[in-house]
Amino acid sequence: MRGTPGYLAPEWLSAAITEKVDVYSFGVVILEIVCGRKIFDRSLDEEDMYLLSLFKRKAEEERFLDIVDKSSDDMQLNGPHVVKMMRIAAWCLQRDYMKRPSMSMVIKALEGIMEVQEDLDYDFSAQPSTSGVVRFCQMDVKFSATTALLPSVLSGPR
């Protein structure tokens, strides 16, 4: 398994890989842009170090704007649009890949043609690790470059 910790979709741990792993990574990128920070920042307090955990906490408190990039006037002045982007990111980050949108649905949501579903789960993923152990739910899963993966189930050419 190869990839950047924090950007890997949870299903990488089960080897049931679908086209939705890219949707998950796209959700991470949206969140990084809106928040103006990396997915994992060791310079912050432990509770704020992992962006998805912080996002989950702020979603539960209904305080999305607390984590918006403070150095970006555009982000600060466009609160409703920023919250919409965060909801699109949350939709892309659903732990259950079946609940994630396709990229064509994401584009429609970005264009305002489609609404983001209402019942989003903000408990997104496994915790990242650089040690070769991923914290997923209540279990540790070890992985390495030699982990065998089953053939991918893809929807066709990208």
N, C-alpha and C. Protein backbone atom coordinates (compact mmCIF):
# COMPACT_ATOMS: atom_id res chain seq x y z
N MET A 1 0.85 -1.17 0.00
CA MET A 1 0.00 0.00 0.00
C MET A 1 0.89 1.23 0.00
N ARG A 2 0.58 2.17 -0.88
CA ARG A 2 1.33 3.41 -0.93
C ARG A 2 0.35 4.57 -0.86
N GLY A 3 0.80 5.63 -0.27
CA GLY A 3 -0.01 6.83 -0.19
C GLY A 3 0.43 7.68 0.97
N THR A 4 -0.09 8.87 1.02
CA THR A 4 0.27 9.81 2.08
C THR A 4 -0.67 9.61 3.25
N PRO A 5 -0.11 9.40 4.46
CA PRO A 5 -0.98 9.26 5.64
C PRO A 5 -1.90 10.47 5.76
N GLY A 6 -3.15 10.20 6.04
CA GLY A 6 -4.14 11.25 6.17
C GLY A 6 -4.99 11.42 4.93
N TYR A 7 -4.46 11.03 3.77
CA TYR A 7 -5.19 11.14 2.52
C TYR A 7 -5.79 9.81 2.09
N LEU A 8 -5.38 8.73 2.73
CA LEU A 8 -5.86 7.40 2.36
C LEU A 8 -7.25 7.16 2.92
N ALA A 9 -8.13 6.69 2.07
CA ALA A 9 -9.48 6.36 2.50
C ALA A 9 -9.45 5.14 3.42
N PRO A 10 -10.40 5.05 4.35
CA PRO A 10 -10.42 3.93 5.30
C PRO A 10 -10.47 2.56 4.65
N GLU A 11 -11.08 2.45 3.47
CA GLU A 11 -11.19 1.12 2.84
C GLU A 11 -9.86 0.56 2.38
N TRP A 12 -8.80 1.36 2.34
CA TRP A 12 -7.49 0.82 2.02
C TRP A 12 -7.10 -0.27 3.02
N LEU A 13 -7.63 -0.19 4.23
CA LEU A 13 -7.30 -1.17 5.27
C LEU A 13 -7.97 -2.52 5.02
N SER A 14 -9.07 -2.51 4.26
CA SER A 14 -9.78 -3.77 4.01
C SER A 14 -9.50 -4.33 2.62
N ALA A 15 -8.76 -3.58 1.81
CA ALA A 15 -8.40 -3.98 0.45
C ALA A 15 -9.61 -4.02 -0.48
N ALA A 16 -10.72 -3.41 -0.10
CA ALA A 16 -11.89 -3.30 -0.98
C ALA A 16 -11.83 -1.91 -1.62
N ILE A 17 -10.94 -1.74 -2.57
CA ILE A 17 -10.66 -0.44 -3.15
C ILE A 17 -11.65 -0.12 -4.28
N THR A 18 -12.20 1.07 -4.25
CA THR A 18 -13.14 1.53 -5.27
C THR A 18 -12.67 2.88 -5.81
N GLU A 19 -13.42 3.40 -6.77
CA GLU A 19 -13.11 4.72 -7.29
C GLU A 19 -13.33 5.81 -6.25
N LYS A 20 -14.01 5.49 -5.16
CA LYS A 20 -14.32 6.46 -4.12
C LYS A 20 -13.11 6.81 -3.24
N VAL A 21 -12.00 6.09 -3.37
CA VAL A 21 -10.80 6.46 -2.59
C VAL A 21 -10.29 7.83 -3.04
N ASP A 22 -10.43 8.12 -4.32
CA ASP A 22 -10.01 9.43 -4.83
C ASP A 22 -10.94 10.54 -4.36
N VAL A 23 -12.21 10.23 -4.22
CA VAL A 23 -13.18 11.20 -3.70
C VAL A 23 -12.80 11.57 -2.27
N TYR A 24 -12.43 10.57 -1.49
CA TYR A 24 -12.00 10.81 -0.11
C TYR A 24 -10.80 11.77 -0.08
N SER A 25 -9.80 11.49 -0.89
CA SER A 25 -8.60 12.34 -0.94
C SER A 25 -8.95 13.76 -1.37
N PHE A 26 -9.89 13.89 -2.31
CA PHE A 26 -10.34 15.21 -2.75
C PHE A 26 -10.98 15.97 -1.59
N GLY A 27 -11.74 15.28 -0.76
CA GLY A 27 -12.34 15.91 0.42
C GLY A 27 -11.28 16.46 1.36
N VAL A 28 -10.19 15.71 1.53
CA VAL A 28 -9.09 16.18 2.37
C VAL A 28 -8.49 17.46 1.79
N VAL A 29 -8.28 17.48 0.49
CA VAL A 29 -7.69 18.65 -0.17
C VAL A 29 -8.60 19.87 -0.02
N ILE A 30 -9.91 19.70 -0.22
CA ILE A 30 -10.85 20.81 -0.02
C ILE A 30 -10.70 21.37 1.38
N LEU A 31 -10.68 20.49 2.36
CA LEU A 31 -10.59 20.92 3.76
C LEU A 31 -9.28 21.65 4.03
N GLU A 32 -8.19 21.15 3.48
CA GLU A 32 -6.90 21.83 3.65
C GLU A 32 -6.93 23.24 3.06
N ILE A 33 -7.53 23.40 1.91
CA ILE A 33 -7.60 24.71 1.26
C ILE A 33 -8.44 25.68 2.10
N VAL A 34 -9.61 25.23 2.51
CA VAL A 34 -10.52 26.09 3.27
C VAL A 34 -9.92 26.47 4.63
N CYS A 35 -9.25 25.52 5.26
CA CYS A 35 -8.69 25.77 6.59
C CYS A 35 -7.29 26.38 6.55
N GLY A 36 -6.66 26.34 5.39
CA GLY A 36 -5.33 26.93 5.27
C GLY A 36 -4.26 26.21 6.07
N ARG A 37 -4.37 24.89 6.13
CA ARG A 37 -3.38 24.10 6.86
C ARG A 37 -3.32 22.68 6.31
N LYS A 38 -2.28 21.97 6.69
CA LYS A 38 -2.11 20.57 6.28
C LYS A 38 -3.01 19.67 7.11
N ILE A 39 -3.20 18.46 6.60
CA ILE A 39 -4.03 17.47 7.28
C ILE A 39 -3.47 17.10 8.65
N PHE A 40 -2.15 17.14 8.76
CA PHE A 40 -1.49 16.75 10.00
C PHE A 40 -0.43 17.79 10.32
N ASP A 41 -0.56 18.47 11.46
CA ASP A 41 0.36 19.54 11.82
C ASP A 41 0.87 19.31 13.25
N ARG A 42 2.09 18.81 13.34
CA ARG A 42 2.67 18.48 14.65
C ARG A 42 2.97 19.71 15.51
N SER A 43 2.91 20.90 14.93
CA SER A 43 3.20 22.11 15.71
C SER A 43 2.01 22.53 16.57
N LEU A 44 0.86 21.91 16.38
CA LEU A 44 -0.34 22.25 17.13
C LEU A 44 -0.52 21.32 18.33
N ASP A 45 -1.42 21.71 19.23
CA ASP A 45 -1.77 20.85 20.36
C ASP A 45 -2.27 19.51 19.84
N GLU A 46 -2.12 18.48 20.65
CA GLU A 46 -2.47 17.13 20.22
C GLU A 46 -3.92 17.03 19.75
N GLU A 47 -4.84 17.72 20.41
CA GLU A 47 -6.25 17.62 20.02
C GLU A 47 -6.57 18.33 18.70
N ASP A 48 -5.69 19.24 18.26
CA ASP A 48 -5.89 19.97 17.01
C ASP A 48 -4.92 19.54 15.91
N MET A 49 -4.05 18.61 16.20
CA MET A 49 -2.99 18.20 15.28
C MET A 49 -3.55 17.58 13.99
N TYR A 50 -4.55 16.74 14.11
CA TYR A 50 -5.13 16.03 12.97
C TYR A 50 -6.38 16.80 12.53
N LEU A 51 -6.36 17.34 11.32
CA LEU A 51 -7.42 18.22 10.83
C LEU A 51 -8.79 17.56 10.84
N LEU A 52 -8.88 16.28 10.51
CA LEU A 52 -10.19 15.62 10.47
C LEU A 52 -10.81 15.49 11.87
N SER A 53 -9.98 15.28 12.87
CA SER A 53 -10.49 15.24 14.25
C SER A 53 -10.99 16.61 14.67
N LEU A 54 -10.24 17.63 14.32
CA LEU A 54 -10.64 19.00 14.63
C LEU A 54 -11.94 19.35 13.89
N PHE A 55 -12.03 18.97 12.63
CA PHE A 55 -13.23 19.21 11.84
C PHE A 55 -14.44 18.51 12.46
N LYS A 56 -14.26 17.29 12.88
CA LYS A 56 -15.34 16.54 13.53
C LYS A 56 -15.83 17.28 14.78
N ARG A 57 -14.89 17.72 15.61
CA ARG A 57 -15.24 18.42 16.85
C ARG A 57 -15.99 19.72 16.55
N LYS A 58 -15.50 20.48 15.58
CA LYS A 58 -16.15 21.75 15.23
C LYS A 58 -17.52 21.51 14.59
N ALA A 59 -17.67 20.44 13.85
CA ALA A 59 -18.98 20.10 13.27
C ALA A 59 -19.98 19.77 14.38
N GLU A 60 -19.54 19.01 15.37
CA GLU A 60 -20.42 18.65 16.49
C GLU A 60 -20.83 19.89 17.27
N GLU A 61 -19.94 20.88 17.35
CA GLU A 61 -20.23 22.13 18.05
C GLU A 61 -20.94 23.14 17.14
N GLU A 62 -21.12 22.77 15.85
CA GLU A 62 -21.69 23.66 14.84
C GLU A 62 -20.92 24.97 14.76
N ARG A 63 -19.57 24.85 14.75
CA ARG A 63 -18.69 26.02 14.71
C ARG A 63 -17.67 25.87 13.58
N PHE A 64 -18.15 25.59 12.37
CA PHE A 64 -17.28 25.39 11.22
C PHE A 64 -16.33 26.57 11.00
N LEU A 65 -16.84 27.78 11.15
CA LEU A 65 -16.04 28.95 10.82
C LEU A 65 -14.84 29.15 11.74
N ASP A 66 -14.81 28.45 12.87
CA ASP A 66 -13.66 28.54 13.78
C ASP A 66 -12.37 28.04 13.14
N ILE A 67 -12.48 27.12 12.19
CA ILE A 67 -11.27 26.53 11.61
C ILE A 67 -10.96 27.02 10.20
N VAL A 68 -11.71 28.02 9.74
CA VAL A 68 -11.46 28.59 8.42
C VAL A 68 -10.16 29.39 8.48
N ASP A 69 -9.42 29.38 7.37
CA ASP A 69 -8.14 30.08 7.24
C ASP A 69 -8.29 31.55 7.65
N LYS A 70 -7.68 31.91 8.76
CA LYS A 70 -7.77 33.28 9.30
C LYS A 70 -6.96 34.28 8.47
N SER A 71 -5.98 33.80 7.72
CA SER A 71 -5.15 34.71 6.94
C SER A 71 -5.72 34.99 5.55
N SER A 72 -6.85 34.40 5.22
CA SER A 72 -7.47 34.60 3.91
C SER A 72 -8.72 35.47 4.05
N ASP A 73 -8.64 36.68 3.54
CA ASP A 73 -9.81 37.57 3.58
C ASP A 73 -10.98 36.97 2.82
N ASP A 74 -10.69 36.33 1.67
CA ASP A 74 -11.77 35.71 0.89
C ASP A 74 -12.52 34.67 1.71
N MET A 75 -11.78 33.85 2.43
CA MET A 75 -12.43 32.81 3.25
C MET A 75 -13.24 33.46 4.38
N GLN A 76 -12.69 34.48 4.99
CA GLN A 76 -13.35 35.13 6.10
C GLN A 76 -14.62 35.89 5.67
N LEU A 77 -14.61 36.45 4.47
CA LEU A 77 -15.73 37.27 3.99
C LEU A 77 -16.84 36.46 3.34
N ASN A 78 -16.61 35.20 3.07
CA ASN A 78 -17.59 34.38 2.37
C ASN A 78 -18.03 33.17 3.19
N GLY A 79 -18.40 33.43 4.44
CA GLY A 79 -18.77 32.37 5.37
C GLY A 79 -19.74 31.33 4.85
N PRO A 80 -20.90 31.74 4.26
CA PRO A 80 -21.85 30.73 3.78
C PRO A 80 -21.26 29.83 2.69
N HIS A 81 -20.46 30.40 1.80
CA HIS A 81 -19.84 29.59 0.74
C HIS A 81 -18.79 28.65 1.31
N VAL A 82 -18.06 29.14 2.31
CA VAL A 82 -17.04 28.32 2.95
C VAL A 82 -17.69 27.14 3.67
N VAL A 83 -18.77 27.39 4.36
CA VAL A 83 -19.48 26.30 5.06
C VAL A 83 -19.99 25.28 4.04
N LYS A 84 -20.48 25.77 2.88
CA LYS A 84 -20.92 24.85 1.82
C LYS A 84 -19.76 23.99 1.37
N MET A 85 -18.59 24.58 1.18
CA MET A 85 -17.40 23.82 0.77
C MET A 85 -17.02 22.79 1.83
N MET A 86 -17.14 23.16 3.10
CA MET A 86 -16.83 22.22 4.17
C MET A 86 -17.81 21.06 4.19
N ARG A 87 -19.07 21.34 3.88
CA ARG A 87 -20.06 20.26 3.81
C ARG A 87 -19.78 19.35 2.62
N ILE A 88 -19.33 19.90 1.50
CA ILE A 88 -18.95 19.07 0.35
C ILE A 88 -17.76 18.20 0.75
N ALA A 89 -16.79 18.79 1.45
CA ALA A 89 -15.63 18.02 1.92
C ALA A 89 -16.09 16.88 2.83
N ALA A 90 -17.00 17.19 3.76
CA ALA A 90 -17.51 16.16 4.68
C ALA A 90 -18.21 15.04 3.92
N TRP A 91 -18.95 15.38 2.89
CA TRP A 91 -19.63 14.38 2.06
C TRP A 91 -18.60 13.47 1.40
N CYS A 92 -17.53 14.06 0.91
CA CYS A 92 -16.46 13.28 0.27
C CYS A 92 -15.72 12.40 1.27
N LEU A 93 -15.72 12.78 2.53
CA LEU A 93 -14.94 12.10 3.56
C LEU A 93 -15.72 11.02 4.32
N GLN A 94 -16.90 10.70 3.89
CA GLN A 94 -17.68 9.69 4.60
C GLN A 94 -16.90 8.38 4.74
N ARG A 95 -16.87 7.83 5.94
CA ARG A 95 -16.12 6.59 6.19
C ARG A 95 -16.63 5.46 5.31
N ASP A 96 -17.94 5.35 5.17
CA ASP A 96 -18.55 4.34 4.31
C ASP A 96 -18.51 4.86 2.88
N TYR A 97 -17.70 4.23 2.04
CA TYR A 97 -17.53 4.72 0.68
C TYR A 97 -18.83 4.75 -0.11
N MET A 98 -19.79 3.92 0.25
CA MET A 98 -21.08 3.91 -0.44
C MET A 98 -21.85 5.22 -0.21
N LYS A 99 -21.53 5.92 0.87
CA LYS A 99 -22.21 7.19 1.17
C LYS A 99 -21.49 8.39 0.56
N ARG A 100 -20.30 8.17 -0.01
CA ARG A 100 -19.58 9.26 -0.67
C ARG A 100 -20.18 9.50 -2.05
N PRO A 101 -20.13 10.74 -2.50
CA PRO A 101 -20.63 11.02 -3.86
C PRO A 101 -19.61 10.60 -4.90
N SER A 102 -20.07 10.49 -6.12
CA SER A 102 -19.13 10.31 -7.24
C SER A 102 -18.53 11.69 -7.52
N MET A 103 -17.45 11.74 -8.28
CA MET A 103 -16.86 13.04 -8.61
C MET A 103 -17.81 13.86 -9.47
N SER A 104 -18.63 13.24 -10.29
CA SER A 104 -19.59 14.02 -11.08
C SER A 104 -20.63 14.67 -10.16
N MET A 105 -21.01 13.99 -9.08
CA MET A 105 -21.93 14.59 -8.11
C MET A 105 -21.24 15.73 -7.36
N VAL A 106 -19.96 15.58 -7.06
CA VAL A 106 -19.21 16.64 -6.39
C VAL A 106 -19.20 17.88 -7.27
N ILE A 107 -18.95 17.70 -8.56
CA ILE A 107 -18.93 18.83 -9.49
C ILE A 107 -20.29 19.52 -9.52
N LYS A 108 -21.36 18.73 -9.53
CA LYS A 108 -22.71 19.32 -9.52
C LYS A 108 -22.94 20.11 -8.23
N ALA A 109 -22.45 19.59 -7.11
CA ALA A 109 -22.58 20.31 -5.84
C ALA A 109 -21.77 21.60 -5.86
N LEU A 110 -20.57 21.55 -6.44
CA LEU A 110 -19.74 22.74 -6.54
C LEU A 110 -20.39 23.80 -7.44
N GLU A 111 -21.09 23.34 -8.47
CA GLU A 111 -21.76 24.26 -9.39
C GLU A 111 -23.10 24.75 -8.85
N GLY A 112 -23.58 24.17 -7.75
CA GLY A 112 -24.85 24.58 -7.17
C GLY A 112 -26.05 23.89 -7.79
N ILE A 113 -25.81 22.88 -8.61
CA ILE A 113 -26.88 22.15 -9.28
C ILE A 113 -27.48 21.09 -8.35
N MET A 114 -26.66 20.60 -7.43
CA MET A 114 -27.07 19.52 -6.53
C MET A 114 -26.76 19.95 -5.09
N GLU A 115 -27.59 19.52 -4.17
CA GLU A 115 -27.38 19.81 -2.76
C GLU A 115 -26.62 18.66 -2.10
N VAL A 116 -25.84 19.00 -1.09
CA VAL A 116 -25.14 18.00 -0.30
C VAL A 116 -26.16 17.30 0.58
N GLN A 117 -26.05 15.98 0.71
CA GLN A 117 -27.00 15.25 1.54
C GLN A 117 -26.94 15.76 2.98
N GLU A 118 -28.02 15.62 3.70
CA GLU A 118 -28.16 16.21 5.04
C GLU A 118 -27.54 15.37 6.15
N ASP A 119 -27.67 14.06 6.09
CA ASP A 119 -27.28 13.18 7.20
C ASP A 119 -25.82 12.75 7.09
N LEU A 120 -24.90 13.71 7.21
CA LEU A 120 -23.48 13.40 7.11
C LEU A 120 -22.93 12.89 8.43
N ASP A 121 -22.02 11.94 8.33
CA ASP A 121 -21.31 11.42 9.49
C ASP A 121 -19.96 12.13 9.55
N TYR A 122 -19.66 12.77 10.66
CA TYR A 122 -18.41 13.52 10.78
C TYR A 122 -17.31 12.71 11.47
N ASP A 123 -17.51 11.41 11.64
CA ASP A 123 -16.47 10.53 12.15
C ASP A 123 -15.84 9.86 10.94
N PHE A 124 -14.83 10.51 10.38
CA PHE A 124 -14.38 10.21 9.03
C PHE A 124 -13.50 9.00 8.84
N SER A 125 -12.47 8.80 9.64
CA SER A 125 -11.46 7.87 9.16
C SER A 125 -10.57 7.32 10.24
N ALA A 126 -9.63 6.54 9.75
CA ALA A 126 -8.53 6.07 10.58
C ALA A 126 -7.61 7.25 10.89
N GLN A 127 -6.93 7.18 12.00
CA GLN A 127 -5.94 8.19 12.34
C GLN A 127 -4.67 7.90 11.56
N PRO A 128 -4.01 8.94 11.03
CA PRO A 128 -2.79 8.70 10.24
C PRO A 128 -1.64 8.25 11.11
N SER A 129 -0.68 7.62 10.47
CA SER A 129 0.50 7.16 11.18
C SER A 129 1.67 7.13 10.22
N THR A 130 2.83 7.39 10.74
CA THR A 130 4.03 7.25 9.92
C THR A 130 4.82 6.03 10.39
N SER A 131 4.31 5.32 11.37
CA SER A 131 5.04 4.18 11.94
C SER A 131 4.65 2.85 11.32
N GLY A 132 3.67 2.85 10.40
CA GLY A 132 3.23 1.59 9.81
C GLY A 132 2.06 0.98 10.56
N VAL A 133 1.51 1.69 11.56
CA VAL A 133 0.34 1.23 12.28
C VAL A 133 -0.72 2.31 12.14
N VAL A 134 -1.93 1.92 11.75
CA VAL A 134 -3.03 2.86 11.60
C VAL A 134 -4.05 2.58 12.69
N ARG A 135 -4.54 3.63 13.32
CA ARG A 135 -5.57 3.50 14.34
C ARG A 135 -6.91 3.62 13.64
N PHE A 136 -7.71 2.55 13.64
CA PHE A 136 -8.99 2.53 12.95
C PHE A 136 -10.02 2.00 13.92
N CYS A 137 -11.03 2.81 14.21
CA CYS A 137 -12.00 2.47 15.24
C CYS A 137 -11.24 2.17 16.52
N GLN A 138 -11.37 0.99 17.05
CA GLN A 138 -10.69 0.64 18.29
C GLN A 138 -9.60 -0.40 18.08
N MET A 139 -9.10 -0.53 16.83
CA MET A 139 -8.07 -1.54 16.60
C MET A 139 -6.89 -0.93 15.86
N ASP A 140 -5.73 -1.49 16.05
CA ASP A 140 -4.54 -1.09 15.32
C ASP A 140 -4.35 -2.04 14.16
N VAL A 141 -4.11 -1.51 12.98
CA VAL A 141 -3.90 -2.32 11.80
C VAL A 141 -2.51 -2.02 11.28
N LYS A 142 -1.71 -3.07 11.11
CA LYS A 142 -0.36 -2.89 10.57
C LYS A 142 -0.40 -3.03 9.06
N PHE A 143 0.41 -2.22 8.40
CA PHE A 143 0.50 -2.33 6.96
C PHE A 143 1.94 -2.15 6.54
N SER A 144 2.23 -2.61 5.35
CA SER A 144 3.58 -2.45 4.81
C SER A 144 3.50 -2.43 3.30
N ALA A 145 4.63 -2.19 2.68
CA ALA A 145 4.66 -2.12 1.22
C ALA A 145 4.35 -3.47 0.59
N THR A 146 4.41 -4.56 1.36
CA THR A 146 4.16 -5.88 0.80
C THR A 146 2.75 -6.39 1.08
N THR A 147 1.88 -5.55 1.67
CA THR A 147 0.51 -5.96 1.93
C THR A 147 -0.18 -6.29 0.61
N ALA A 148 -0.73 -7.48 0.51
CA ALA A 148 -1.41 -7.89 -0.72
C ALA A 148 -2.76 -7.21 -0.81
N LEU A 149 -3.09 -6.69 -1.98
CA LEU A 149 -4.37 -6.05 -2.19
C LEU A 149 -5.16 -6.83 -3.22
N LEU A 150 -6.47 -6.88 -3.03
CA LEU A 150 -7.35 -7.51 -3.99
C LEU A 150 -7.49 -6.60 -5.19
N PRO A 151 -7.89 -7.13 -6.34
CA PRO A 151 -8.08 -6.27 -7.51
C PRO A 151 -9.07 -5.15 -7.21
N SER A 152 -8.83 -3.99 -7.75
CA SER A 152 -9.69 -2.84 -7.55
C SER A 152 -11.00 -3.01 -8.29
N VAL A 153 -12.04 -2.46 -7.72
CA VAL A 153 -13.33 -2.43 -8.37
C VAL A 153 -13.53 -0.99 -8.81
N LEU A 154 -13.38 -0.74 -10.09
CA LEU A 154 -13.47 0.61 -10.60
C LEU A 154 -14.66 0.75 -11.55
N SER A 155 -15.11 1.98 -11.71
CA SER A 155 -16.28 2.22 -12.55
C SER A 155 -15.91 2.44 -14.02
N GLY A 156 -14.68 2.30 -14.36
CA GLY A 156 -14.26 2.49 -15.75
C GLY A 156 -13.16 3.50 -15.84
N PRO A 157 -12.84 3.92 -17.03
CA PRO A 157 -11.73 4.86 -17.23
C PRO A 157 -11.99 6.17 -16.51
N ARG A 158 -10.90 6.81 -16.09
CA ARG A 158 -11.04 8.09 -15.40
C ARG A 158 -10.63 9.21 -16.29
